[in-house]
């Protein structure tokens, strides 16, 4: 069973689809305060920016494959779904 473990990990590492809505910079030079999302602090916000995520509507638009990709990119181990990022991001985006 142990010999199979690295293969499973490799498959997980290559899972998902890169989100189509990544940006090079924040629209209008003003990123949303992504720290409003549960579990996102200053360091994680910087990681999100480095990966092209600046706005709530970007997070709220992810599909399951894109969540899997970002989960892998950020080493989250399911945190995006556990903390209901999409629901929170959609609510924050609607406030604007």
PDB file of N, CA and C in Angstrom:
ATOM      1  N   UNK A   1       0.829  -1.202   0.000  1.00  0.00           N
ATOM      2  CA  UNK A   1       0.000   0.000   0.000  1.00  0.00           C
ATOM      3  C   UNK A   1       0.867   1.256   0.000  1.00  0.00           C
ATOM      4  N   UNK A   2       2.005   1.209   0.721  1.00  0.00           N
ATOM      5  CA  UNK A   2       2.859   2.400   0.777  1.00  0.00           C
ATOM      6  C   UNK A   2       3.420   2.760  -0.594  1.00  0.00           C
ATOM      7  N   UNK A   3       3.695   1.769  -1.427  1.00  0.00           N
ATOM      8  CA  UNK A   3       4.238   2.029  -2.770  1.00  0.00           C
ATOM      9  C   UNK A   3       3.238   2.806  -3.621  1.00  0.00           C
ATOM     10  N   UNK A   4       1.949   2.630  -3.347  1.00  0.00           N
ATOM     11  CA  UNK A   4       0.916   3.327  -4.117  1.00  0.00           C
ATOM     12  C   UNK A   4       0.752   4.793  -3.693  1.00  0.00           C
ATOM     13  N   UNK A   5       1.114   5.103  -2.466  1.00  0.00           N
ATOM     14  CA  UNK A   5       0.875   6.447  -1.925  1.00  0.00           C
ATOM     15  C   UNK A   5       1.488   7.568  -2.766  1.00  0.00           C
ATOM     16  N   UNK A   6       2.756   7.482  -3.196  1.00  0.00           N
ATOM     17  CA  UNK A   6       3.308   8.580  -3.989  1.00  0.00           C
ATOM     18  C   UNK A   6       2.550   8.822  -5.293  1.00  0.00           C
ATOM     19  N   UNK A   7       2.053   7.755  -5.927  1.00  0.00           N
ATOM     20  CA  UNK A   7       1.287   7.926  -7.165  1.00  0.00           C
ATOM     21  C   UNK A   7       0.004   8.700  -6.892  1.00  0.00           C
ATOM     22  N   UNK A   8      -0.679   8.366  -5.819  1.00  0.00           N
ATOM     23  CA  UNK A   8      -1.912   9.073  -5.467  1.00  0.00           C
ATOM     24  C   UNK A   8      -1.601  10.551  -5.222  1.00  0.00           C
ATOM     25  N   UNK A   9      -0.532  10.822  -4.476  1.00  0.00           N
ATOM     26  CA  UNK A   9      -0.148  12.210  -4.210  1.00  0.00           C
ATOM     27  C   UNK A   9       0.167  12.946  -5.503  1.00  0.00           C
ATOM     28  N   UNK A  10       0.836  12.299  -6.434  1.00  0.00           N
ATOM     29  CA  UNK A  10       1.185  12.936  -7.705  1.00  0.00           C
ATOM     30  C   UNK A  10      -0.077  13.289  -8.485  1.00  0.00           C
ATOM     31  N   UNK A  11      -1.077  12.388  -8.451  1.00  0.00           N
ATOM     32  CA  UNK A  11      -2.325  12.671  -9.148  1.00  0.00           C
ATOM     33  C   UNK A  11      -3.031  13.867  -8.525  1.00  0.00           C
ATOM     34  N   UNK A  12      -3.042  13.922  -7.216  1.00  0.00           N
ATOM     35  CA  UNK A  12      -3.684  15.036  -6.528  1.00  0.00           C
ATOM     36  C   UNK A  12      -2.952  16.344  -6.856  1.00  0.00           C
ATOM     37  N   UNK A  13      -1.638  16.298  -6.914  1.00  0.00           N
ATOM     38  CA  UNK A  13      -0.843  17.498  -7.193  1.00  0.00           C
ATOM     39  C   UNK A  13      -1.134  18.056  -8.576  1.00  0.00           C
ATOM     40  N   UNK A  14      -1.556  17.190  -9.495  1.00  0.00           N
ATOM     41  CA  UNK A  14      -1.843  17.637 -10.853  1.00  0.00           C
ATOM     42  C   UNK A  14      -3.331  17.788 -11.103  1.00  0.00           C
ATOM     43  N   UNK A  15      -4.108  17.850 -10.048  1.00  0.00           N
ATOM     44  CA  UNK A  15      -5.549  17.907 -10.202  1.00  0.00           C
ATOM     45  C   UNK A  15      -6.013  19.322 -10.499  1.00  0.00           C
ATOM     46  N   UNK A  16      -7.184  19.373 -11.091  1.00  0.00           N
ATOM     47  CA  UNK A  16      -7.829  20.657 -11.295  1.00  0.00           C
ATOM     48  C   UNK A  16      -7.431  21.361 -12.571  1.00  0.00           C
ATOM     49  N   UNK A  17      -8.079  22.495 -12.758  1.00  0.00           N
ATOM     50  CA  UNK A  17      -7.884  23.332 -13.932  1.00  0.00           C
ATOM     51  C   UNK A  17      -7.567  24.745 -13.457  1.00  0.00           C
ATOM     52  N   UNK A  18      -6.559  25.350 -14.067  1.00  0.00           N
ATOM     53  CA  UNK A  18      -6.204  26.725 -13.706  1.00  0.00           C
ATOM     54  C   UNK A  18      -7.400  27.629 -13.974  1.00  0.00           C
ATOM     55  N   UNK A  19      -7.800  28.433 -12.989  1.00  0.00           N
ATOM     56  CA  UNK A  19      -8.947  29.328 -13.198  1.00  0.00           C
ATOM     57  C   UNK A  19      -8.739  30.242 -14.403  1.00  0.00           C
ATOM     58  N   UNK A  20      -9.787  30.407 -15.169  1.00  0.00           N
ATOM     59  CA  UNK A  20      -9.724  31.229 -16.375  1.00  0.00           C
ATOM     60  C   UNK A  20      -9.731  32.721 -16.047  1.00  0.00           C
ATOM     61  N   UNK A  21     -10.102  33.064 -14.802  1.00  0.00           N
ATOM     62  CA  UNK A  21     -10.280  34.477 -14.459  1.00  0.00           C
ATOM     63  C   UNK A  21      -9.115  35.084 -13.674  1.00  0.00           C
ATOM     64  N   UNK A  22      -7.915  34.518 -13.795  1.00  0.00           N
ATOM     65  CA  UNK A  22      -6.759  35.088 -13.091  1.00  0.00           C
ATOM     66  C   UNK A  22      -6.335  36.393 -13.769  1.00  0.00           C
ATOM     67  N   UNK A  23      -5.839  37.318 -12.973  1.00  0.00           N
ATOM     68  CA  UNK A  23      -5.453  38.634 -13.477  1.00  0.00           C
ATOM     69  C   UNK A  23      -3.978  38.903 -13.207  1.00  0.00           C
ATOM     70  N   UNK A  24      -3.385  39.781 -14.010  1.00  0.00           N
ATOM     71  CA  UNK A  24      -1.999  40.193 -13.771  1.00  0.00           C
ATOM     72  C   UNK A  24      -1.937  41.226 -12.647  1.00  0.00           C
ATOM     73  N   UNK A  25      -3.002  42.007 -12.518  1.00  0.00           N
ATOM     74  CA  UNK A  25      -3.073  43.025 -11.456  1.00  0.00           C
ATOM     75  C   UNK A  25      -4.535  43.306 -11.136  1.00  0.00           C
ATOM     76  N   UNK A  26      -4.753  43.962 -10.003  1.00  0.00           N
ATOM     77  CA  UNK A  26      -6.114  44.276  -9.566  1.00  0.00           C
ATOM     78  C   UNK A  26      -6.768  45.250 -10.538  1.00  0.00           C
ATOM     79  N   UNK A  27      -8.057  45.039 -10.792  1.00  0.00           N
ATOM     80  CA  UNK A  27      -8.805  45.969 -11.656  1.00  0.00           C
ATOM     81  C   UNK A  27      -8.809  47.348 -11.001  1.00  0.00           C
ATOM     82  N   UNK A  28      -8.486  48.364 -11.779  1.00  0.00           N
ATOM     83  CA  UNK A  28      -8.463  49.725 -11.271  1.00  0.00           C
ATOM     84  C   UNK A  28      -7.393  49.949 -10.222  1.00  0.00           C
ATOM     85  N   UNK A  29      -6.459  49.011 -10.114  1.00  0.00           N
ATOM     86  CA  UNK A  29      -5.377  49.140  -9.134  1.00  0.00           C
ATOM     87  C   UNK A  29      -5.824  48.958  -7.693  1.00  0.00           C
ATOM     88  N   UNK A  30      -7.073  48.556  -7.493  1.00  0.00           N
ATOM     89  CA  UNK A  30      -7.613  48.399  -6.136  1.00  0.00           C
ATOM     90  C   UNK A  30      -8.091  46.971  -5.889  1.00  0.00           C
ATOM     91  N   UNK A  31      -7.282  46.130  -5.238  1.00  0.00           N
ATOM     92  CA  UNK A  31      -7.751  44.784  -4.915  1.00  0.00           C
ATOM     93  C   UNK A  31      -8.796  44.825  -3.797  1.00  0.00           C
ATOM     94  N   UNK A  32      -9.680  43.828  -3.790  1.00  0.00           N
ATOM     95  CA  UNK A  32     -10.619  43.688  -2.676  1.00  0.00           C
ATOM     96  C   UNK A  32      -9.831  43.247  -1.441  1.00  0.00           C
ATOM     97  N   UNK A  33     -10.408  43.459  -0.272  1.00  0.00           N
ATOM     98  CA  UNK A  33      -9.776  43.028   0.981  1.00  0.00           C
ATOM     99  C   UNK A  33     -10.093  41.544   1.184  1.00  0.00           C
ATOM    100  N   UNK A  34      -9.286  40.687   0.562  1.00  0.00           N
ATOM    101  CA  UNK A  34      -9.519  39.245   0.615  1.00  0.00           C
ATOM    102  C   UNK A  34      -9.403  38.679   2.029  1.00  0.00           C
ATOM    103  N   UNK A  35      -8.826  39.464   2.953  1.00  0.00           N
ATOM    104  CA  UNK A  35      -8.712  39.032   4.346  1.00  0.00           C
ATOM    105  C   UNK A  35     -10.077  38.931   5.022  1.00  0.00           C
ATOM    106  N   UNK A  36     -11.116  39.454   4.375  1.00  0.00           N
ATOM    107  CA  UNK A  36     -12.474  39.324   4.925  1.00  0.00           C
ATOM    108  C   UNK A  36     -12.968  37.881   4.829  1.00  0.00           C
ATOM    109  N   UNK A  37     -12.372  37.097   3.938  1.00  0.00           N
ATOM    110  CA  UNK A  37     -12.739  35.685   3.802  1.00  0.00           C
ATOM    111  C   UNK A  37     -12.151  34.912   4.982  1.00  0.00           C
ATOM    112  N   UNK A  38     -12.962  34.086   5.596  1.00  0.00           N
ATOM    113  CA  UNK A  38     -12.543  33.289   6.758  1.00  0.00           C
ATOM    114  C   UNK A  38     -11.280  32.503   6.446  1.00  0.00           C
ATOM    115  N   UNK A  39     -10.264  32.661   7.309  1.00  0.00           N
ATOM    116  CA  UNK A  39      -9.022  31.918   7.158  1.00  0.00           C
ATOM    117  C   UNK A  39      -7.966  32.614   6.323  1.00  0.00           C
ATOM    118  N   UNK A  40      -8.307  33.755   5.725  1.00  0.00           N
ATOM    119  CA  UNK A  40      -7.328  34.468   4.903  1.00  0.00           C
ATOM    120  C   UNK A  40      -6.712  35.589   5.739  1.00  0.00           C
ATOM    121  N   UNK A  41      -5.402  35.495   5.947  1.00  0.00           N
ATOM    122  CA  UNK A  41      -4.668  36.535   6.646  1.00  0.00           C
ATOM    123  C   UNK A  41      -3.758  37.247   5.667  1.00  0.00           C
ATOM    124  N   UNK A  42      -2.909  38.154   6.159  1.00  0.00           N
ATOM    125  CA  UNK A  42      -2.018  38.914   5.272  1.00  0.00           C
ATOM    126  C   UNK A  42      -1.114  38.044   4.399  1.00  0.00           C
ATOM    127  N   UNK A  43      -0.550  36.979   4.956  1.00  0.00           N
ATOM    128  CA  UNK A  43       0.361  36.126   4.178  1.00  0.00           C
ATOM    129  C   UNK A  43      -0.394  35.391   3.071  1.00  0.00           C
ATOM    130  N   UNK A  44      -1.572  34.887   3.398  1.00  0.00           N
ATOM    131  CA  UNK A  44      -2.368  34.159   2.411  1.00  0.00           C
ATOM    132  C   UNK A  44      -2.898  35.100   1.335  1.00  0.00           C
ATOM    133  N   UNK A  45      -3.242  36.313   1.733  1.00  0.00           N
ATOM    134  CA  UNK A  45      -3.693  37.302   0.752  1.00  0.00           C
ATOM    135  C   UNK A  45      -2.574  37.573  -0.265  1.00  0.00           C
ATOM    136  N   UNK A  46      -1.324  37.671   0.205  1.00  0.00           N
ATOM    137  CA  UNK A  46      -0.186  37.872  -0.702  1.00  0.00           C
ATOM    138  C   UNK A  46      -0.047  36.703  -1.661  1.00  0.00           C
ATOM    139  N   UNK A  47      -0.242  35.471  -1.158  1.00  0.00           N
ATOM    140  CA  UNK A  47      -0.182  34.278  -2.015  1.00  0.00           C
ATOM    141  C   UNK A  47      -1.272  34.323  -3.081  1.00  0.00           C
ATOM    142  N   UNK A  48      -2.483  34.722  -2.674  1.00  0.00           N
ATOM    143  CA  UNK A  48      -3.587  34.826  -3.630  1.00  0.00           C
ATOM    144  C   UNK A  48      -3.242  35.854  -4.705  1.00  0.00           C
ATOM    145  N   UNK A  49      -2.733  37.009  -4.305  1.00  0.00           N
ATOM    146  CA  UNK A  49      -2.329  38.041  -5.273  1.00  0.00           C
ATOM    147  C   UNK A  49      -1.263  37.489  -6.220  1.00  0.00           C
ATOM    148  N   UNK A  50      -0.287  36.760  -5.675  1.00  0.00           N
ATOM    149  CA  UNK A  50       0.786  36.188  -6.492  1.00  0.00           C
ATOM    150  C   UNK A  50       0.239  35.191  -7.517  1.00  0.00           C
ATOM    151  N   UNK A  51      -0.918  34.599  -7.205  1.00  0.00           N
ATOM    152  CA  UNK A  51      -1.551  33.640  -8.106  1.00  0.00           C
ATOM    153  C   UNK A  51      -2.620  34.282  -8.992  1.00  0.00           C
ATOM    154  N   UNK A  52      -2.724  35.623  -8.956  1.00  0.00           N
ATOM    155  CA  UNK A  52      -3.645  36.321  -9.852  1.00  0.00           C
ATOM    156  C   UNK A  52      -5.052  36.504  -9.324  1.00  0.00           C
ATOM    157  N   UNK A  53      -5.217  36.359  -8.005  1.00  0.00           N
ATOM    158  CA  UNK A  53      -6.535  36.533  -7.385  1.00  0.00           C
ATOM    159  C   UNK A  53      -6.536  37.834  -6.582  1.00  0.00           C
ATOM    160  N   UNK A  54      -7.386  38.773  -7.012  1.00  0.00           N
ATOM    161  CA  UNK A  54      -7.446  40.084  -6.360  1.00  0.00           C
ATOM    162  C   UNK A  54      -8.857  40.476  -5.908  1.00  0.00           C
ATOM    163  N   UNK A  55      -9.873  39.770  -6.433  1.00  0.00           N
ATOM    164  CA  UNK A  55     -11.257  40.208  -6.215  1.00  0.00           C
ATOM    165  C   UNK A  55     -12.155  39.059  -5.769  1.00  0.00           C
ATOM    166  N   UNK A  56     -13.161  39.412  -4.962  1.00  0.00           N
ATOM    167  CA  UNK A  56     -14.116  38.421  -4.471  1.00  0.00           C
ATOM    168  C   UNK A  56     -14.820  37.708  -5.615  1.00  0.00           C
ATOM    169  N   UNK A  57     -15.189  38.453  -6.670  1.00  0.00           N
ATOM    170  CA  UNK A  57     -15.932  37.822  -7.763  1.00  0.00           C
ATOM    171  C   UNK A  57     -15.109  36.737  -8.464  1.00  0.00           C
ATOM    172  N   UNK A  58     -13.786  36.868  -8.424  1.00  0.00           N
ATOM    173  CA  UNK A  58     -12.932  35.822  -8.997  1.00  0.00           C
ATOM    174  C   UNK A  58     -13.094  34.525  -8.212  1.00  0.00           C
ATOM    175  N   UNK A  59     -12.998  34.616  -6.885  1.00  0.00           N
ATOM    176  CA  UNK A  59     -13.119  33.442  -6.027  1.00  0.00           C
ATOM    177  C   UNK A  59     -14.523  32.849  -6.157  1.00  0.00           C
ATOM    178  N   UNK A  60     -15.531  33.700  -6.150  1.00  0.00           N
ATOM    179  CA  UNK A  60     -16.919  33.253  -6.214  1.00  0.00           C
ATOM    180  C   UNK A  60     -17.277  32.540  -7.505  1.00  0.00           C
ATOM    181  N   UNK A  61     -16.483  32.732  -8.548  1.00  0.00           N
ATOM    182  CA  UNK A  61     -16.781  32.153  -9.864  1.00  0.00           C
ATOM    183  C   UNK A  61     -16.109  30.801 -10.100  1.00  0.00           C
ATOM    184  N   UNK A  62     -15.253  30.357  -9.177  1.00  0.00           N
ATOM    185  CA  UNK A  62     -14.540  29.102  -9.397  1.00  0.00           C
ATOM    186  C   UNK A  62     -15.486  27.923  -9.455  1.00  0.00           C
ATOM    187  N   UNK A  63     -15.189  26.970 -10.361  1.00  0.00           N
ATOM    188  CA  UNK A  63     -15.909  25.700 -10.397  1.00  0.00           C
ATOM    189  C   UNK A  63     -15.086  24.659  -9.626  1.00  0.00           C
ATOM    190  N   UNK A  64     -15.561  23.443  -9.561  1.00  0.00           N
ATOM    191  CA  UNK A  64     -14.898  22.399  -8.763  1.00  0.00           C
ATOM    192  C   UNK A  64     -13.460  22.146  -9.219  1.00  0.00           C
ATOM    193  N   UNK A  65     -13.216  22.118 -10.537  1.00  0.00           N
ATOM    194  CA  UNK A  65     -11.868  21.883 -11.049  1.00  0.00           C
ATOM    195  C   UNK A  65     -10.929  23.032 -10.698  1.00  0.00           C
ATOM    196  N   UNK A  66     -11.455  24.244 -10.749  1.00  0.00           N
ATOM    197  CA  UNK A  66     -10.636  25.416 -10.412  1.00  0.00           C
ATOM    198  C   UNK A  66     -10.342  25.463  -8.910  1.00  0.00           C
ATOM    199  N   UNK A  67     -11.303  25.040  -8.104  1.00  0.00           N
ATOM    200  CA  UNK A  67     -11.066  24.954  -6.653  1.00  0.00           C
ATOM    201  C   UNK A  67      -9.949  23.951  -6.388  1.00  0.00           C
ATOM    202  N   UNK A  68     -10.007  22.810  -7.062  1.00  0.00           N
ATOM    203  CA  UNK A  68      -8.974  21.773  -6.882  1.00  0.00           C
ATOM    204  C   UNK A  68      -7.600  22.316  -7.272  1.00  0.00           C
ATOM    205  N   UNK A  69      -7.536  23.070  -8.355  1.00  0.00           N
ATOM    206  CA  UNK A  69      -6.263  23.651  -8.806  1.00  0.00           C
ATOM    207  C   UNK A  69      -5.721  24.626  -7.760  1.00  0.00           C
ATOM    208  N   UNK A  70      -6.556  25.558  -7.315  1.00  0.00           N
ATOM    209  CA  UNK A  70      -6.099  26.561  -6.348  1.00  0.00           C
ATOM    210  C   UNK A  70      -5.778  25.915  -5.001  1.00  0.00           C
ATOM    211  N   UNK A  71      -6.551  24.916  -4.624  1.00  0.00           N
ATOM    212  CA  UNK A  71      -6.291  24.169  -3.394  1.00  0.00           C
ATOM    213  C   UNK A  71      -4.879  23.591  -3.450  1.00  0.00           C
ATOM    214  N   UNK A  72      -4.523  23.048  -4.607  1.00  0.00           N
ATOM    215  CA  UNK A  72      -3.198  22.463  -4.811  1.00  0.00           C
ATOM    216  C   UNK A  72      -2.117  23.546  -4.841  1.00  0.00           C
ATOM    217  N   UNK A  73      -2.353  24.620  -5.581  1.00  0.00           N
ATOM    218  CA  UNK A  73      -1.380  25.717  -5.696  1.00  0.00           C
ATOM    219  C   UNK A  73      -1.030  26.302  -4.328  1.00  0.00           C
ATOM    220  N   UNK A  74      -2.029  26.406  -3.473  1.00  0.00           N
ATOM    221  CA  UNK A  74      -1.849  27.061  -2.181  1.00  0.00           C
ATOM    222  C   UNK A  74      -1.662  26.068  -1.036  1.00  0.00           C
ATOM    223  N   UNK A  75      -1.587  24.779  -1.350  1.00  0.00           N
ATOM    224  CA  UNK A  75      -1.421  23.710  -0.343  1.00  0.00           C
ATOM    225  C   UNK A  75      -2.478  23.809   0.745  1.00  0.00           C
ATOM    226  N   UNK A  76      -3.733  23.928   0.348  1.00  0.00           N
ATOM    227  CA  UNK A  76      -4.825  24.153   1.300  1.00  0.00           C
ATOM    228  C   UNK A  76      -5.466  22.908   1.856  1.00  0.00           C
ATOM    229  N   UNK A  77      -5.347  21.795   1.151  1.00  0.00           N
ATOM    230  CA  UNK A  77      -5.919  20.525   1.628  1.00  0.00           C
ATOM    231  C   UNK A  77      -7.409  20.651   1.940  1.00  0.00           C
ATOM    232  N   UNK A  78      -8.170  21.228   1.029  1.00  0.00           N
ATOM    233  CA  UNK A  78      -9.624  21.298   1.169  1.00  0.00           C
ATOM    234  C   UNK A  78     -10.163  22.512   1.896  1.00  0.00           C
ATOM    235  N   UNK A  79      -9.304  23.425   2.258  1.00  0.00           N
ATOM    236  CA  UNK A  79      -9.721  24.579   3.065  1.00  0.00           C
ATOM    237  C   UNK A  79     -10.718  25.492   2.341  1.00  0.00           C
ATOM    238  N   UNK A  80     -10.574  25.631   1.030  1.00  0.00           N
ATOM    239  CA  UNK A  80     -11.453  26.517   0.259  1.00  0.00           C
ATOM    240  C   UNK A  80     -12.908  26.079   0.447  1.00  0.00           C
ATOM    241  N   UNK A  81     -13.149  24.775   0.339  1.00  0.00           N
ATOM    242  CA  UNK A  81     -14.512  24.272   0.504  1.00  0.00           C
ATOM    243  C   UNK A  81     -14.924  24.240   1.972  1.00  0.00           C
ATOM    244  N   UNK A  82     -14.014  23.825   2.846  1.00  0.00           N
ATOM    245  CA  UNK A  82     -14.322  23.739   4.277  1.00  0.00           C
ATOM    246  C   UNK A  82     -14.745  25.094   4.840  1.00  0.00           C
ATOM    247  N   UNK A  83     -14.027  26.143   4.458  1.00  0.00           N
ATOM    248  CA  UNK A  83     -14.317  27.485   4.967  1.00  0.00           C
ATOM    249  C   UNK A  83     -15.348  28.230   4.114  1.00  0.00           C
ATOM    250  N   UNK A  84     -15.933  27.537   3.135  1.00  0.00           N
ATOM    251  CA  UNK A  84     -16.976  28.114   2.272  1.00  0.00           C
ATOM    252  C   UNK A  84     -16.550  29.429   1.633  1.00  0.00           C
ATOM    253  N   UNK A  85     -15.358  29.435   1.050  1.00  0.00           N
ATOM    254  CA  UNK A  85     -14.846  30.648   0.417  1.00  0.00           C
ATOM    255  C   UNK A  85     -15.765  31.168  -0.675  1.00  0.00           C
ATOM    256  N   UNK A  86     -16.317  30.277  -1.511  1.00  0.00           N
ATOM    257  CA  UNK A  86     -17.144  30.721  -2.629  1.00  0.00           C
ATOM    258  C   UNK A  86     -18.382  31.461  -2.135  1.00  0.00           C
ATOM    259  N   UNK A  87     -19.021  30.905  -1.111  1.00  0.00           N
ATOM    260  CA  UNK A  87     -20.216  31.534  -0.541  1.00  0.00           C
ATOM    261  C   UNK A  87     -19.868  32.912   0.028  1.00  0.00           C
ATOM    262  N   UNK A  88     -18.786  32.976   0.812  1.00  0.00           N
ATOM    263  CA  UNK A  88     -18.375  34.247   1.403  1.00  0.00           C
ATOM    264  C   UNK A  88     -18.010  35.264   0.329  1.00  0.00           C
ATOM    265  N   UNK A  89     -17.212  34.809  -0.646  1.00  0.00           N
ATOM    266  CA  UNK A  89     -16.756  35.718  -1.712  1.00  0.00           C
ATOM    267  C   UNK A  89     -17.922  36.265  -2.508  1.00  0.00           C
ATOM    268  N   UNK A  90     -18.919  35.419  -2.788  1.00  0.00           N
ATOM    269  CA  UNK A  90     -20.093  35.866  -3.537  1.00  0.00           C
ATOM    270  C   UNK A  90     -20.860  36.935  -2.742  1.00  0.00           C
ATOM    271  N   UNK A  91     -20.993  36.702  -1.421  1.00  0.00           N
ATOM    272  CA  UNK A  91     -21.688  37.689  -0.582  1.00  0.00           C
ATOM    273  C   UNK A  91     -20.934  39.018  -0.560  1.00  0.00           C
ATOM    274  N   UNK A  92     -19.605  38.966  -0.410  1.00  0.00           N
ATOM    275  CA  UNK A  92     -18.814  40.200  -0.383  1.00  0.00           C
ATOM    276  C   UNK A  92     -18.852  40.914  -1.734  1.00  0.00           C
ATOM    277  N   UNK A  93     -18.818  40.145  -2.823  1.00  0.00           N
ATOM    278  CA  UNK A  93     -18.859  40.739  -4.162  1.00  0.00           C
ATOM    279  C   UNK A  93     -20.186  41.444  -4.385  1.00  0.00           C
ATOM    280  N   UNK A  94     -21.263  40.891  -3.855  1.00  0.00           N
ATOM    281  CA  UNK A  94     -22.598  41.486  -4.026  1.00  0.00           C
ATOM    282  C   UNK A  94     -22.771  42.770  -3.227  1.00  0.00           C
ATOM    283  N   UNK A  95     -21.946  42.964  -2.203  1.00  0.00           N
ATOM    284  CA  UNK A  95     -22.016  44.192  -1.395  1.00  0.00           C
ATOM    285  C   UNK A  95     -21.556  45.402  -2.198  1.00  0.00           C
ATOM    286  N   UNK A  96     -20.643  45.166  -3.123  1.00  0.00           N
ATOM    287  CA  UNK A  96     -20.021  46.277  -3.868  1.00  0.00           C
ATOM    288  C   UNK A  96     -20.999  46.947  -4.817  1.00  0.00           C
TER     289      UNK A  96
END
